[in-house]
Amino acid sequence: MEEKLPGRPIRIIKSVEDKNLGVFFEELYKTCLDDGEAVLVLKKIERAFVADPNYELLHNVKEHASVSFRNIHTQQEVRFFPED
């Protein structure tokens, strides 16, 4: 994750894409106080989705500054990423 100015809020965006239905949308998931909180939130999201047997991990926070998952039943892709 690139450096940000101290005290600058970071938004976590949730992106959902369903290629079968041709649907794509993004929404604000959470606003974090700084980079540190944003990383913690992304890791918490990653743990929750990894624990859900309906989702497969596409990439994690260590590989990218975001996390992505695919629903194994619907093939819907869910991605969480930071934005300042």
N, C-alpha and C. Protein backbone atom coordinates (compact mmCIF):
# COMPACT_ATOMS: atom_id res chain seq x y z
N MET A 1 0.85 -1.17 0.00
CA MET A 1 0.00 0.00 0.00
C MET A 1 0.90 1.24 0.00
N GLU A 2 0.63 2.19 -0.86
CA GLU A 2 1.48 3.37 -0.92
C GLU A 2 1.28 4.25 0.30
N GLU A 3 2.26 5.11 0.58
CA GLU A 3 2.18 5.97 1.75
C GLU A 3 1.12 7.04 1.54
N LYS A 4 0.43 7.37 2.61
CA LYS A 4 -0.60 8.41 2.58
C LYS A 4 -0.22 9.50 3.57
N LEU A 5 -0.84 10.64 3.44
CA LEU A 5 -0.60 11.71 4.40
C LEU A 5 -1.17 11.31 5.75
N PRO A 6 -0.47 11.66 6.84
CA PRO A 6 -0.97 11.30 8.18
C PRO A 6 -2.38 11.85 8.42
N GLY A 7 -3.22 11.04 9.01
CA GLY A 7 -4.56 11.47 9.37
C GLY A 7 -5.55 11.51 8.22
N ARG A 8 -5.13 11.10 7.06
CA ARG A 8 -6.03 11.13 5.90
C ARG A 8 -6.90 9.87 5.90
N PRO A 9 -8.22 10.03 5.83
CA PRO A 9 -9.09 8.84 5.85
C PRO A 9 -8.93 7.99 4.59
N ILE A 10 -9.06 6.69 4.77
CA ILE A 10 -8.97 5.72 3.68
C ILE A 10 -10.32 5.01 3.60
N ARG A 11 -10.90 4.98 2.41
CA ARG A 11 -12.17 4.28 2.23
C ARG A 11 -11.91 2.86 1.74
N ILE A 12 -12.65 1.91 2.27
CA ILE A 12 -12.62 0.54 1.77
C ILE A 12 -13.85 0.40 0.87
N ILE A 13 -13.61 0.07 -0.38
CA ILE A 13 -14.67 -0.08 -1.37
C ILE A 13 -14.95 -1.56 -1.59
N LYS A 14 -16.23 -1.92 -1.64
CA LYS A 14 -16.64 -3.28 -1.97
C LYS A 14 -17.12 -3.28 -3.42
N SER A 15 -16.51 -4.13 -4.22
CA SER A 15 -16.85 -4.25 -5.63
C SER A 15 -17.41 -5.65 -5.87
N VAL A 16 -18.55 -5.73 -6.54
CA VAL A 16 -19.18 -7.02 -6.83
C VAL A 16 -19.43 -7.12 -8.33
N GLU A 17 -18.99 -8.24 -8.91
CA GLU A 17 -19.19 -8.47 -10.33
C GLU A 17 -19.81 -9.85 -10.54
N ASP A 18 -20.92 -9.87 -11.24
CA ASP A 18 -21.57 -11.13 -11.60
C ASP A 18 -21.57 -11.22 -13.12
N LYS A 19 -20.62 -11.96 -13.66
CA LYS A 19 -20.47 -12.06 -15.12
C LYS A 19 -21.65 -12.79 -15.76
N ASN A 20 -22.28 -13.70 -15.02
CA ASN A 20 -23.44 -14.42 -15.56
C ASN A 20 -24.62 -13.50 -15.80
N LEU A 21 -24.82 -12.55 -14.90
CA LEU A 21 -25.95 -11.62 -15.01
C LEU A 21 -25.55 -10.30 -15.66
N GLY A 22 -24.25 -10.09 -15.87
CA GLY A 22 -23.78 -8.83 -16.44
C GLY A 22 -23.94 -7.67 -15.49
N VAL A 23 -23.78 -7.92 -14.20
CA VAL A 23 -23.99 -6.90 -13.18
C VAL A 23 -22.66 -6.56 -12.51
N PHE A 24 -22.42 -5.25 -12.32
CA PHE A 24 -21.24 -4.78 -11.61
C PHE A 24 -21.65 -3.58 -10.77
N PHE A 25 -21.23 -3.56 -9.50
CA PHE A 25 -21.48 -2.37 -8.69
C PHE A 25 -20.39 -2.23 -7.64
N GLU A 26 -20.21 -1.00 -7.18
CA GLU A 26 -19.29 -0.69 -6.10
C GLU A 26 -20.04 0.11 -5.06
N GLU A 27 -19.63 -0.10 -3.79
CA GLU A 27 -20.23 0.66 -2.70
C GLU A 27 -19.18 0.88 -1.62
N LEU A 28 -19.39 1.91 -0.83
CA LEU A 28 -18.51 2.17 0.30
C LEU A 28 -18.77 1.12 1.36
N TYR A 29 -17.71 0.41 1.76
CA TYR A 29 -17.83 -0.61 2.80
C TYR A 29 -17.54 -0.01 4.17
N LYS A 30 -16.45 0.77 4.26
CA LYS A 30 -16.06 1.37 5.55
C LYS A 30 -15.07 2.49 5.29
N THR A 31 -15.10 3.52 6.15
CA THR A 31 -14.10 4.57 6.12
C THR A 31 -13.18 4.38 7.31
N CYS A 32 -11.88 4.32 7.04
CA CYS A 32 -10.86 4.08 8.07
C CYS A 32 -10.10 5.37 8.34
N LEU A 33 -9.57 5.49 9.55
CA LEU A 33 -8.83 6.69 9.92
C LEU A 33 -7.50 6.82 9.20
N ASP A 34 -6.84 5.69 8.92
CA ASP A 34 -5.51 5.73 8.30
C ASP A 34 -5.19 4.39 7.65
N ASP A 35 -3.97 4.30 7.09
CA ASP A 35 -3.52 3.07 6.42
C ASP A 35 -3.54 1.86 7.34
N GLY A 36 -3.09 2.07 8.58
CA GLY A 36 -3.02 0.96 9.54
C GLY A 36 -4.38 0.33 9.78
N GLU A 37 -5.38 1.16 9.99
CA GLU A 37 -6.73 0.64 10.20
C GLU A 37 -7.25 -0.04 8.94
N ALA A 38 -6.95 0.53 7.77
CA ALA A 38 -7.41 -0.06 6.51
C ALA A 38 -6.84 -1.46 6.31
N VAL A 39 -5.57 -1.65 6.63
CA VAL A 39 -4.95 -2.97 6.50
C VAL A 39 -5.61 -3.96 7.46
N LEU A 40 -5.88 -3.52 8.69
CA LEU A 40 -6.54 -4.39 9.66
C LEU A 40 -7.93 -4.80 9.18
N VAL A 41 -8.67 -3.85 8.62
CA VAL A 41 -10.02 -4.14 8.11
C VAL A 41 -9.94 -5.14 6.95
N LEU A 42 -9.00 -4.95 6.03
CA LEU A 42 -8.85 -5.88 4.91
C LEU A 42 -8.49 -7.28 5.39
N LYS A 43 -7.63 -7.37 6.39
CA LYS A 43 -7.27 -8.69 6.94
C LYS A 43 -8.46 -9.35 7.63
N LYS A 44 -9.28 -8.55 8.31
CA LYS A 44 -10.48 -9.08 8.97
C LYS A 44 -11.47 -9.61 7.92
N ILE A 45 -11.65 -8.86 6.85
CA ILE A 45 -12.52 -9.30 5.75
C ILE A 45 -11.99 -10.60 5.16
N GLU A 46 -10.68 -10.65 4.95
CA GLU A 46 -10.06 -11.86 4.38
C GLU A 46 -10.32 -13.08 5.26
N ARG A 47 -10.13 -12.93 6.56
CA ARG A 47 -10.37 -14.06 7.48
C ARG A 47 -11.82 -14.52 7.42
N ALA A 48 -12.75 -13.58 7.37
CA ALA A 48 -14.18 -13.93 7.34
C ALA A 48 -14.54 -14.70 6.07
N PHE A 49 -14.05 -14.24 4.91
CA PHE A 49 -14.38 -14.91 3.66
C PHE A 49 -13.67 -16.25 3.53
N VAL A 50 -12.42 -16.34 4.01
CA VAL A 50 -11.69 -17.61 3.97
C VAL A 50 -12.41 -18.67 4.80
N ALA A 51 -13.03 -18.25 5.90
CA ALA A 51 -13.75 -19.18 6.77
C ALA A 51 -15.09 -19.62 6.18
N ASP A 52 -15.58 -18.90 5.18
CA ASP A 52 -16.87 -19.23 4.56
C ASP A 52 -16.65 -20.25 3.43
N PRO A 53 -17.20 -21.45 3.56
CA PRO A 53 -16.98 -22.49 2.54
C PRO A 53 -17.60 -22.17 1.18
N ASN A 54 -18.43 -21.13 1.10
CA ASN A 54 -19.05 -20.76 -0.16
C ASN A 54 -18.15 -19.90 -1.05
N TYR A 55 -17.01 -19.46 -0.51
CA TYR A 55 -16.11 -18.58 -1.26
C TYR A 55 -14.72 -19.17 -1.39
N GLU A 56 -14.11 -18.90 -2.55
CA GLU A 56 -12.71 -19.27 -2.74
C GLU A 56 -11.89 -17.98 -2.84
N LEU A 57 -10.71 -18.00 -2.27
CA LEU A 57 -9.82 -16.85 -2.28
C LEU A 57 -9.16 -16.72 -3.65
N LEU A 58 -9.26 -15.54 -4.26
CA LEU A 58 -8.58 -15.28 -5.53
C LEU A 58 -7.22 -14.64 -5.30
N HIS A 59 -7.16 -13.66 -4.39
CA HIS A 59 -5.88 -13.11 -3.94
C HIS A 59 -6.07 -12.45 -2.59
N ASN A 60 -4.96 -12.38 -1.84
CA ASN A 60 -5.03 -11.86 -0.48
C ASN A 60 -4.29 -10.54 -0.34
N VAL A 61 -4.30 -10.01 0.89
CA VAL A 61 -3.68 -8.72 1.17
C VAL A 61 -2.18 -8.76 0.92
N LYS A 62 -1.53 -9.89 1.18
CA LYS A 62 -0.08 -9.98 0.98
C LYS A 62 0.29 -9.90 -0.50
N GLU A 63 -0.56 -10.39 -1.38
CA GLU A 63 -0.28 -10.36 -2.82
C GLU A 63 -0.59 -8.99 -3.43
N HIS A 64 -1.64 -8.35 -2.97
CA HIS A 64 -2.10 -7.05 -3.47
C HIS A 64 -2.57 -6.24 -2.27
N ALA A 65 -2.84 -4.97 -2.48
CA ALA A 65 -3.39 -4.15 -1.40
C ALA A 65 -4.92 -4.25 -1.41
N SER A 66 -5.41 -5.46 -1.69
CA SER A 66 -6.85 -5.71 -1.72
C SER A 66 -7.07 -7.20 -1.52
N VAL A 67 -8.33 -7.59 -1.37
CA VAL A 67 -8.68 -9.01 -1.27
C VAL A 67 -9.81 -9.30 -2.25
N SER A 68 -9.75 -10.47 -2.88
CA SER A 68 -10.78 -10.87 -3.84
C SER A 68 -11.20 -12.32 -3.60
N PHE A 69 -12.49 -12.55 -3.79
CA PHE A 69 -13.07 -13.88 -3.58
C PHE A 69 -14.07 -14.17 -4.68
N ARG A 70 -14.36 -15.46 -4.88
CA ARG A 70 -15.38 -15.88 -5.83
C ARG A 70 -16.33 -16.83 -5.12
N ASN A 71 -17.62 -16.58 -5.29
CA ASN A 71 -18.63 -17.49 -4.76
C ASN A 71 -18.59 -18.75 -5.62
N ILE A 72 -18.39 -19.91 -4.99
CA ILE A 72 -18.23 -21.15 -5.75
C ILE A 72 -19.53 -21.62 -6.40
N HIS A 73 -20.65 -21.10 -5.95
CA HIS A 73 -21.95 -21.51 -6.51
C HIS A 73 -22.42 -20.59 -7.63
N THR A 74 -22.26 -19.28 -7.43
CA THR A 74 -22.77 -18.30 -8.40
C THR A 74 -21.69 -17.73 -9.30
N GLN A 75 -20.42 -17.95 -8.96
CA GLN A 75 -19.26 -17.39 -9.68
C GLN A 75 -19.17 -15.87 -9.53
N GLN A 76 -19.96 -15.30 -8.66
CA GLN A 76 -19.91 -13.86 -8.40
C GLN A 76 -18.58 -13.53 -7.71
N GLU A 77 -17.89 -12.49 -8.20
CA GLU A 77 -16.62 -12.08 -7.62
C GLU A 77 -16.82 -10.86 -6.73
N VAL A 78 -16.21 -10.92 -5.55
CA VAL A 78 -16.30 -9.85 -4.56
C VAL A 78 -14.88 -9.38 -4.28
N ARG A 79 -14.67 -8.07 -4.34
CA ARG A 79 -13.35 -7.50 -4.11
C ARG A 79 -13.47 -6.33 -3.14
N PHE A 80 -12.53 -6.24 -2.22
CA PHE A 80 -12.44 -5.12 -1.28
C PHE A 80 -11.09 -4.45 -1.50
N PHE A 81 -11.09 -3.12 -1.68
CA PHE A 81 -9.84 -2.42 -1.93
C PHE A 81 -9.88 -1.02 -1.31
N PRO A 82 -8.68 -0.49 -0.96
CA PRO A 82 -8.62 0.84 -0.35
C PRO A 82 -8.62 1.93 -1.42
N GLU A 83 -9.14 3.09 -1.03
CA GLU A 83 -9.17 4.26 -1.91
C GLU A 83 -9.08 5.48 -1.01
N ASP A 84 -8.23 6.45 -1.39
CA ASP A 84 -8.15 7.66 -0.56
C ASP A 84 -8.83 8.83 -1.20
